[in-house]
Amino acid sequence: MRIRVRLLVLVARVLAKRSPQCIRRVMTAFSAGTRAAGHGEARQARDEVLSVSTRCCGPSACLPRSIAVALLCRSRGTWPTWCVGVVAAPPFRAHAWIEVAGEMVDEPVDSACYRKFFAVEPAPARGFGHRGQGLGRSAAGGRPETRSARSETPR
């Protein structure tokens, strides 16, 4: 089990060095076919990541830490909402975190202190027989559905 966590931390550290567009694209792909993670599941995954990687414990390690936690949840068939944004008040700095049901998981400050740029949410499987829509067609217009990360603008 610890080997899987270590491997996912390594993958997260490599992915964290890529461009924001690349990271978002990869995380969106990984979120496909998942159910929403529960708060306990996300907290456990975060604790496991922190227990195997001292590099993920630091305040400047939020990106690889959040990616590793999301990937560990994904390896178990769930997905927390993976978020990227900035601290809302000066000095502005980037931050990445995970949320469950709109609540940050084990972050040291309240979510009101951050402005979200974008979030990658769980994306339940769609396809033949899923919710009666068949073959990935939307119920409303009959056009194929597309899945992209939800984008939020700072307020």
N, C-alpha and C. Protein backbone atom coordinates (compact mmCIF):
# COMPACT_ATOMS: atom_id res chain seq x y z
N MET A 1 0.84 -1.19 0.00
CA MET A 1 0.00 0.00 0.00
C MET A 1 0.88 1.25 0.00
N ARG A 2 1.88 1.30 0.85
CA ARG A 2 2.76 2.47 0.89
C ARG A 2 3.51 2.64 -0.42
N ILE A 3 3.76 1.54 -1.12
CA ILE A 3 4.46 1.63 -2.40
C ILE A 3 3.59 2.40 -3.40
N ARG A 4 2.29 2.10 -3.40
CA ARG A 4 1.38 2.80 -4.31
C ARG A 4 1.36 4.30 -3.99
N VAL A 5 1.31 4.64 -2.71
CA VAL A 5 1.28 6.05 -2.31
C VAL A 5 2.58 6.73 -2.73
N ARG A 6 3.70 6.09 -2.51
CA ARG A 6 5.00 6.67 -2.92
C ARG A 6 5.06 6.87 -4.43
N LEU A 7 4.57 5.90 -5.17
CA LEU A 7 4.57 6.01 -6.63
C LEU A 7 3.69 7.17 -7.08
N LEU A 8 2.52 7.33 -6.48
CA LEU A 8 1.63 8.43 -6.86
C LEU A 8 2.21 9.79 -6.47
N VAL A 9 2.94 9.84 -5.37
CA VAL A 9 3.62 11.09 -4.99
C VAL A 9 4.67 11.43 -6.04
N LEU A 10 5.41 10.44 -6.51
CA LEU A 10 6.41 10.67 -7.55
C LEU A 10 5.74 11.17 -8.84
N VAL A 11 4.64 10.54 -9.24
CA VAL A 11 3.90 10.98 -10.42
C VAL A 11 3.43 12.43 -10.24
N ALA A 12 2.94 12.74 -9.04
CA ALA A 12 2.45 14.09 -8.76
C ALA A 12 3.59 15.11 -8.84
N ARG A 13 4.76 14.77 -8.33
CA ARG A 13 5.89 15.69 -8.38
C ARG A 13 6.32 15.96 -9.82
N VAL A 14 6.28 14.94 -10.66
CA VAL A 14 6.63 15.12 -12.07
C VAL A 14 5.55 15.97 -12.76
N LEU A 15 4.29 15.65 -12.52
CA LEU A 15 3.20 16.39 -13.14
C LEU A 15 3.19 17.86 -12.70
N ALA A 16 3.54 18.11 -11.46
CA ALA A 16 3.53 19.49 -10.93
C ALA A 16 4.53 20.39 -11.64
N LYS A 17 5.48 19.82 -12.36
CA LYS A 17 6.47 20.62 -13.09
C LYS A 17 6.00 20.98 -14.49
N ARG A 18 4.84 20.47 -14.88
CA ARG A 18 4.30 20.76 -16.20
C ARG A 18 3.56 22.09 -16.20
N SER A 19 3.11 22.51 -17.37
CA SER A 19 2.37 23.77 -17.48
C SER A 19 1.00 23.63 -16.82
N PRO A 20 0.41 24.74 -16.38
CA PRO A 20 -0.93 24.67 -15.78
C PRO A 20 -1.97 24.04 -16.72
N GLN A 21 -1.88 24.33 -18.01
CA GLN A 21 -2.83 23.76 -18.97
C GLN A 21 -2.68 22.24 -19.03
N CYS A 22 -1.45 21.77 -19.04
CA CYS A 22 -1.19 20.34 -19.09
C CYS A 22 -1.71 19.66 -17.82
N ILE A 23 -1.42 20.25 -16.67
CA ILE A 23 -1.88 19.68 -15.40
C ILE A 23 -3.40 19.60 -15.38
N ARG A 24 -4.04 20.67 -15.78
CA ARG A 24 -5.51 20.70 -15.77
C ARG A 24 -6.08 19.63 -16.70
N ARG A 25 -5.50 19.48 -17.87
CA ARG A 25 -5.95 18.48 -18.84
C ARG A 25 -5.81 17.06 -18.26
N VAL A 26 -4.67 16.80 -17.66
CA VAL A 26 -4.41 15.47 -17.08
C VAL A 26 -5.35 15.20 -15.92
N MET A 27 -5.53 16.18 -15.05
CA MET A 27 -6.41 16.00 -13.89
C MET A 27 -7.85 15.81 -14.32
N THR A 28 -8.28 16.51 -15.35
CA THR A 28 -9.64 16.35 -15.88
C THR A 28 -9.81 14.93 -16.42
N ALA A 29 -8.81 14.43 -17.12
CA ALA A 29 -8.88 13.06 -17.64
C ALA A 29 -8.96 12.05 -16.51
N PHE A 30 -8.18 12.24 -15.46
CA PHE A 30 -8.20 11.31 -14.33
C PHE A 30 -9.51 11.36 -13.57
N SER A 31 -10.21 12.46 -13.61
CA SER A 31 -11.46 12.57 -12.85
C SER A 31 -12.62 11.84 -13.52
N ALA A 32 -12.45 11.45 -14.76
CA ALA A 32 -13.53 10.80 -15.50
C ALA A 32 -13.88 9.44 -14.90
N GLY A 33 -15.16 9.19 -14.79
CA GLY A 33 -15.63 7.89 -14.31
C GLY A 33 -15.49 7.68 -12.82
N THR A 34 -15.49 8.76 -12.05
CA THR A 34 -15.31 8.64 -10.60
C THR A 34 -16.56 9.10 -9.87
N ARG A 35 -16.68 8.64 -8.66
CA ARG A 35 -17.71 9.17 -7.77
C ARG A 35 -17.02 10.16 -6.84
N ALA A 36 -17.80 11.03 -6.26
CA ALA A 36 -17.24 12.05 -5.36
C ALA A 36 -16.66 11.39 -4.11
N ALA A 37 -15.48 11.83 -3.74
CA ALA A 37 -14.85 11.32 -2.51
C ALA A 37 -15.56 11.89 -1.30
N GLY A 38 -15.63 11.11 -0.25
CA GLY A 38 -16.15 11.61 1.01
C GLY A 38 -15.05 12.35 1.76
N HIS A 39 -15.46 13.13 2.74
CA HIS A 39 -14.48 13.90 3.50
C HIS A 39 -13.46 12.98 4.19
N GLY A 40 -13.95 11.90 4.77
CA GLY A 40 -13.06 10.94 5.44
C GLY A 40 -12.08 10.29 4.48
N GLU A 41 -12.55 9.95 3.27
CA GLU A 41 -11.67 9.34 2.27
C GLU A 41 -10.57 10.31 1.84
N ALA A 42 -10.96 11.55 1.61
CA ALA A 42 -9.98 12.56 1.19
C ALA A 42 -8.98 12.85 2.30
N ARG A 43 -9.46 12.96 3.52
CA ARG A 43 -8.57 13.21 4.66
C ARG A 43 -7.59 12.05 4.84
N GLN A 44 -8.08 10.82 4.72
CA GLN A 44 -7.20 9.66 4.85
C GLN A 44 -6.13 9.66 3.76
N ALA A 45 -6.53 9.96 2.52
CA ALA A 45 -5.58 10.01 1.41
C ALA A 45 -4.53 11.09 1.67
N ARG A 46 -4.96 12.24 2.16
CA ARG A 46 -4.02 13.33 2.47
C ARG A 46 -3.04 12.90 3.56
N ASP A 47 -3.54 12.26 4.60
CA ASP A 47 -2.68 11.79 5.68
C ASP A 47 -1.67 10.77 5.18
N GLU A 48 -2.10 9.88 4.28
CA GLU A 48 -1.19 8.87 3.72
C GLU A 48 -0.10 9.53 2.88
N VAL A 49 -0.47 10.51 2.07
CA VAL A 49 0.53 11.22 1.25
C VAL A 49 1.55 11.91 2.16
N LEU A 50 1.06 12.59 3.18
CA LEU A 50 1.98 13.29 4.09
C LEU A 50 2.86 12.33 4.88
N SER A 51 2.37 11.13 5.14
CA SER A 51 3.16 10.17 5.92
C SER A 51 4.31 9.55 5.12
N VAL A 52 4.23 9.55 3.79
CA VAL A 52 5.30 8.97 2.99
C VAL A 52 6.20 10.01 2.34
N SER A 53 5.81 11.28 2.37
CA SER A 53 6.60 12.30 1.69
C SER A 53 6.75 13.55 2.55
N THR A 54 7.95 13.77 3.05
CA THR A 54 8.20 14.99 3.80
C THR A 54 8.18 16.21 2.88
N ARG A 55 8.48 16.01 1.60
CA ARG A 55 8.44 17.13 0.65
C ARG A 55 7.03 17.66 0.46
N CYS A 56 6.04 16.82 0.64
CA CYS A 56 4.64 17.25 0.48
C CYS A 56 4.11 17.95 1.74
N CYS A 57 4.89 17.98 2.79
CA CYS A 57 4.44 18.58 4.05
C CYS A 57 4.63 20.10 4.10
N GLY A 58 5.52 20.63 3.32
CA GLY A 58 5.85 22.04 3.39
C GLY A 58 4.79 22.95 2.83
N PRO A 59 4.83 24.22 3.24
CA PRO A 59 3.83 25.19 2.77
C PRO A 59 3.92 25.49 1.27
N SER A 60 5.08 25.28 0.66
CA SER A 60 5.21 25.54 -0.77
C SER A 60 5.01 24.29 -1.61
N ALA A 61 4.54 23.22 -0.99
CA ALA A 61 4.35 21.95 -1.70
C ALA A 61 2.88 21.67 -1.98
N CYS A 62 2.07 22.71 -2.01
CA CYS A 62 0.62 22.49 -2.16
C CYS A 62 0.26 21.84 -3.49
N LEU A 63 0.95 22.18 -4.56
CA LEU A 63 0.60 21.61 -5.87
C LEU A 63 0.87 20.11 -5.94
N PRO A 64 2.10 19.65 -5.68
CA PRO A 64 2.29 18.19 -5.73
C PRO A 64 1.48 17.46 -4.66
N ARG A 65 1.28 18.06 -3.51
CA ARG A 65 0.49 17.43 -2.45
C ARG A 65 -0.96 17.24 -2.90
N SER A 66 -1.57 18.29 -3.43
CA SER A 66 -2.97 18.20 -3.85
C SER A 66 -3.14 17.23 -5.02
N ILE A 67 -2.18 17.22 -5.94
CA ILE A 67 -2.23 16.28 -7.06
C ILE A 67 -2.11 14.85 -6.54
N ALA A 68 -1.17 14.60 -5.64
CA ALA A 68 -0.96 13.26 -5.10
C ALA A 68 -2.21 12.76 -4.36
N VAL A 69 -2.83 13.63 -3.58
CA VAL A 69 -4.04 13.24 -2.85
C VAL A 69 -5.16 12.90 -3.83
N ALA A 70 -5.34 13.72 -4.84
CA ALA A 70 -6.38 13.45 -5.83
C ALA A 70 -6.10 12.14 -6.57
N LEU A 71 -4.86 11.90 -6.93
CA LEU A 71 -4.52 10.66 -7.64
C LEU A 71 -4.70 9.44 -6.74
N LEU A 72 -4.38 9.56 -5.46
CA LEU A 72 -4.58 8.45 -4.54
C LEU A 72 -6.07 8.15 -4.40
N CYS A 73 -6.87 9.19 -4.28
CA CYS A 73 -8.32 8.98 -4.25
C CYS A 73 -8.77 8.30 -5.55
N ARG A 74 -8.23 8.75 -6.68
CA ARG A 74 -8.59 8.18 -7.98
C ARG A 74 -8.25 6.70 -8.04
N SER A 75 -7.13 6.31 -7.45
CA SER A 75 -6.74 4.90 -7.46
C SER A 75 -7.73 4.04 -6.69
N ARG A 76 -8.58 4.69 -5.89
CA ARG A 76 -9.60 3.99 -5.11
C ARG A 76 -11.01 4.23 -5.67
N GLY A 77 -11.07 4.85 -6.85
CA GLY A 77 -12.34 5.03 -7.54
C GLY A 77 -13.13 6.27 -7.15
N THR A 78 -12.50 7.17 -6.39
CA THR A 78 -13.18 8.41 -6.01
C THR A 78 -12.36 9.59 -6.48
N TRP A 79 -12.95 10.78 -6.33
CA TRP A 79 -12.24 11.99 -6.74
C TRP A 79 -12.72 13.15 -5.88
N PRO A 80 -11.80 13.84 -5.20
CA PRO A 80 -12.18 15.08 -4.52
C PRO A 80 -12.19 16.19 -5.57
N THR A 81 -12.74 17.31 -5.25
CA THR A 81 -12.63 18.44 -6.18
C THR A 81 -11.24 19.01 -6.02
N TRP A 82 -10.49 19.05 -7.11
CA TRP A 82 -9.12 19.56 -7.09
C TRP A 82 -9.16 21.02 -7.54
N CYS A 83 -8.62 21.92 -6.73
CA CYS A 83 -8.76 23.36 -6.97
C CYS A 83 -7.42 24.06 -7.07
N VAL A 84 -7.40 25.11 -7.87
CA VAL A 84 -6.24 25.98 -8.00
C VAL A 84 -6.73 27.42 -7.91
N GLY A 85 -6.02 28.23 -7.14
CA GLY A 85 -6.40 29.62 -6.99
C GLY A 85 -5.29 30.42 -6.36
N VAL A 86 -5.68 31.53 -5.72
CA VAL A 86 -4.70 32.40 -5.07
C VAL A 86 -5.23 32.82 -3.70
N VAL A 87 -4.30 33.23 -2.86
CA VAL A 87 -4.68 33.84 -1.60
C VAL A 87 -5.35 35.16 -1.94
N ALA A 88 -6.51 35.43 -1.32
CA ALA A 88 -7.35 36.56 -1.71
C ALA A 88 -6.77 37.92 -1.36
N ALA A 89 -5.95 38.01 -0.34
CA ALA A 89 -5.41 39.30 0.09
C ALA A 89 -3.90 39.33 -0.11
N PRO A 90 -3.34 40.51 -0.30
CA PRO A 90 -1.89 40.60 -0.47
C PRO A 90 -1.17 40.03 0.74
N PRO A 91 -0.04 39.42 0.59
CA PRO A 91 0.62 39.19 -0.69
C PRO A 91 -0.04 38.02 -1.42
N PHE A 92 -0.36 38.23 -2.70
CA PHE A 92 -0.99 37.21 -3.49
C PHE A 92 0.00 36.09 -3.77
N ARG A 93 -0.45 34.87 -3.64
CA ARG A 93 0.39 33.73 -4.02
C ARG A 93 -0.52 32.59 -4.43
N ALA A 94 -0.03 31.77 -5.32
CA ALA A 94 -0.82 30.66 -5.84
C ALA A 94 -0.99 29.59 -4.77
N HIS A 95 -2.07 28.84 -4.90
CA HIS A 95 -2.31 27.74 -3.97
C HIS A 95 -3.15 26.68 -4.68
N ALA A 96 -2.93 25.43 -4.32
CA ALA A 96 -3.72 24.32 -4.83
C ALA A 96 -4.20 23.50 -3.63
N TRP A 97 -5.44 23.02 -3.71
CA TRP A 97 -6.00 22.28 -2.59
C TRP A 97 -7.09 21.35 -3.08
N ILE A 98 -7.59 20.52 -2.17
CA ILE A 98 -8.72 19.67 -2.51
C ILE A 98 -9.90 20.04 -1.62
N GLU A 99 -11.08 19.82 -2.17
CA GLU A 99 -12.33 20.08 -1.46
C GLU A 99 -13.24 18.87 -1.57
N VAL A 100 -14.11 18.75 -0.59
CA VAL A 100 -15.18 17.77 -0.63
C VAL A 100 -16.45 18.51 -0.24
N ALA A 101 -17.45 18.43 -1.08
CA ALA A 101 -18.73 19.11 -0.84
C ALA A 101 -18.53 20.59 -0.54
N GLY A 102 -17.61 21.23 -1.26
CA GLY A 102 -17.38 22.66 -1.10
C GLY A 102 -16.54 23.06 0.09
N GLU A 103 -16.05 22.10 0.87
CA GLU A 103 -15.21 22.40 2.03
C GLU A 103 -13.78 21.93 1.79
N MET A 104 -12.83 22.79 2.11
CA MET A 104 -11.42 22.43 1.99
C MET A 104 -11.10 21.29 2.97
N VAL A 105 -10.22 20.41 2.55
CA VAL A 105 -9.83 19.28 3.39
C VAL A 105 -8.49 19.59 4.05
N ASP A 106 -8.53 19.76 5.37
CA ASP A 106 -7.34 19.95 6.20
C ASP A 106 -6.41 21.07 5.76
N GLU A 107 -6.97 22.17 5.37
CA GLU A 107 -6.18 23.35 5.05
C GLU A 107 -6.09 24.22 6.30
N PRO A 108 -4.98 24.93 6.49
CA PRO A 108 -4.80 25.70 7.73
C PRO A 108 -5.68 26.94 7.85
N VAL A 109 -6.25 27.42 6.75
CA VAL A 109 -7.09 28.61 6.81
C VAL A 109 -8.42 28.35 6.14
N ASP A 110 -9.37 29.23 6.35
CA ASP A 110 -10.71 29.11 5.81
C ASP A 110 -10.72 29.35 4.30
N SER A 111 -11.68 28.75 3.62
CA SER A 111 -11.77 28.90 2.16
C SER A 111 -12.05 30.33 1.73
N ALA A 112 -12.57 31.16 2.62
CA ALA A 112 -12.82 32.56 2.28
C ALA A 112 -11.52 33.32 2.01
N CYS A 113 -10.41 32.75 2.43
CA CYS A 113 -9.11 33.39 2.23
C CYS A 113 -8.56 33.15 0.82
N TYR A 114 -9.23 32.33 0.03
CA TYR A 114 -8.75 31.98 -1.30
C TYR A 114 -9.76 32.37 -2.37
N ARG A 115 -9.26 32.63 -3.56
CA ARG A 115 -10.08 32.84 -4.74
C ARG A 115 -9.73 31.74 -5.73
N LYS A 116 -10.72 30.98 -6.10
CA LYS A 116 -10.53 29.83 -6.97
C LYS A 116 -10.45 30.28 -8.42
N PHE A 117 -9.43 29.82 -9.14
CA PHE A 117 -9.33 30.06 -10.58
C PHE A 117 -10.08 28.99 -11.35
N PHE A 118 -9.87 27.73 -10.95
CA PHE A 118 -10.61 26.64 -11.56
C PHE A 118 -10.62 25.44 -10.64
N ALA A 119 -11.52 24.53 -10.94
CA ALA A 119 -11.67 23.31 -10.15
C ALA A 119 -11.95 22.14 -11.09
N VAL A 120 -11.41 20.99 -10.75
CA VAL A 120 -11.69 19.76 -11.49
C VAL A 120 -12.51 18.88 -10.55
N GLU A 121 -13.77 18.71 -10.90
CA GLU A 121 -14.71 17.99 -10.05
C GLU A 121 -14.83 16.53 -10.47
N PRO A 122 -15.41 15.70 -9.60
CA PRO A 122 -15.66 14.30 -9.99
C PRO A 122 -16.55 14.26 -11.22
N ALA A 123 -16.31 13.30 -12.08
CA ALA A 123 -17.09 13.16 -13.31
C ALA A 123 -17.59 11.73 -13.40
N PRO A 124 -18.80 11.46 -12.89
CA PRO A 124 -19.34 10.10 -12.96
C PRO A 124 -19.36 9.58 -14.39
N ALA A 125 -19.25 8.28 -14.50
CA ALA A 125 -19.25 7.65 -15.83
C ALA A 125 -20.53 7.97 -16.57
N ARG A 126 -20.38 8.27 -17.83
CA ARG A 126 -21.52 8.50 -18.71
C ARG A 126 -21.40 7.52 -19.85
N GLY A 127 -22.50 7.08 -20.32
CA GLY A 127 -22.46 6.16 -21.45
C GLY A 127 -23.73 5.38 -21.51
N PHE A 128 -23.71 4.32 -22.26
CA PHE A 128 -24.90 3.52 -22.49
C PHE A 128 -25.49 3.05 -21.16
N GLY A 129 -26.76 3.36 -20.96
CA GLY A 129 -27.46 2.88 -19.78
C GLY A 129 -27.29 3.74 -18.55
N HIS A 130 -26.43 4.74 -18.58
CA HIS A 130 -26.22 5.57 -17.40
C HIS A 130 -27.30 6.64 -17.34
N ARG A 131 -28.11 6.59 -16.32
CA ARG A 131 -29.19 7.54 -16.10
C ARG A 131 -30.14 7.63 -17.30
N GLY A 132 -30.23 6.55 -18.04
CA GLY A 132 -31.19 6.50 -19.13
C GLY A 132 -30.85 7.40 -20.31
N GLN A 133 -29.67 7.94 -20.38
CA GLN A 133 -29.34 8.85 -21.46
C GLN A 133 -28.69 8.15 -22.64
N GLY A 134 -28.11 6.99 -22.42
CA GLY A 134 -27.52 6.21 -23.50
C GLY A 134 -26.41 6.89 -24.26
N LEU A 135 -25.36 6.19 -24.53
CA LEU A 135 -24.25 6.59 -25.38
C LEU A 135 -23.76 8.03 -25.22
N GLY A 136 -23.78 8.55 -24.01
CA GLY A 136 -23.20 9.86 -23.76
C GLY A 136 -23.95 11.03 -24.34
N ARG A 137 -25.22 10.86 -24.70
CA ARG A 137 -26.01 11.96 -25.25
C ARG A 137 -26.71 12.68 -24.11
N SER A 138 -26.80 13.98 -24.22
CA SER A 138 -27.49 14.75 -23.18
C SER A 138 -28.99 14.55 -23.31
N ALA A 139 -29.67 14.61 -22.18
CA ALA A 139 -31.11 14.42 -22.17
C ALA A 139 -31.82 15.59 -22.83
N ALA A 140 -31.24 16.77 -22.75
CA ALA A 140 -31.92 17.98 -23.24
C ALA A 140 -31.85 18.11 -24.75
N GLY A 141 -30.66 18.13 -25.30
CA GLY A 141 -30.54 18.49 -26.70
C GLY A 141 -30.19 17.36 -27.63
N GLY A 142 -29.82 16.20 -27.12
CA GLY A 142 -29.45 15.10 -27.98
C GLY A 142 -28.06 15.21 -28.55
N ARG A 143 -27.36 16.31 -28.25
CA ARG A 143 -25.98 16.44 -28.72
C ARG A 143 -25.05 15.72 -27.76
N PRO A 144 -23.90 15.23 -28.24
CA PRO A 144 -22.96 14.56 -27.35
C PRO A 144 -22.52 15.51 -26.24
N GLU A 145 -22.38 14.95 -25.05
CA GLU A 145 -21.93 15.74 -23.91
C GLU A 145 -20.41 15.87 -23.95
N THR A 146 -19.92 16.97 -23.45
CA THR A 146 -18.49 17.14 -23.28
C THR A 146 -18.22 17.41 -21.83
N ARG A 147 -17.08 16.96 -21.34
CA ARG A 147 -16.72 17.14 -19.93
C ARG A 147 -15.49 18.01 -19.88
N SER A 148 -15.58 19.11 -19.18
CA SER A 148 -14.41 19.94 -18.97
C SER A 148 -14.40 20.38 -17.53
N ALA A 149 -13.26 20.85 -17.09
CA ALA A 149 -13.14 21.33 -15.72
C ALA A 149 -13.99 22.59 -15.56
N ARG A 150 -14.66 22.69 -14.41
CA ARG A 150 -15.47 23.88 -14.15
C ARG A 150 -14.55 25.06 -13.89
N SER A 151 -14.86 26.14 -14.51
CA SER A 151 -14.04 27.33 -14.34
C SER A 151 -14.79 28.37 -13.54
N GLU A 152 -14.14 28.92 -12.58
CA GLU A 152 -14.73 29.98 -11.79
C GLU A 152 -13.83 31.19 -11.88
N THR A 153 -14.42 32.34 -11.93
CA THR A 153 -13.62 33.56 -11.98
C THR A 153 -13.56 34.17 -10.60
N PRO A 154 -12.45 34.80 -10.26
CA PRO A 154 -12.33 35.45 -8.96
C PRO A 154 -13.34 36.59 -8.85
N ARG A 155 -13.85 36.82 -7.67
CA ARG A 155 -14.81 37.89 -7.45
C ARG A 155 -14.19 39.01 -6.70
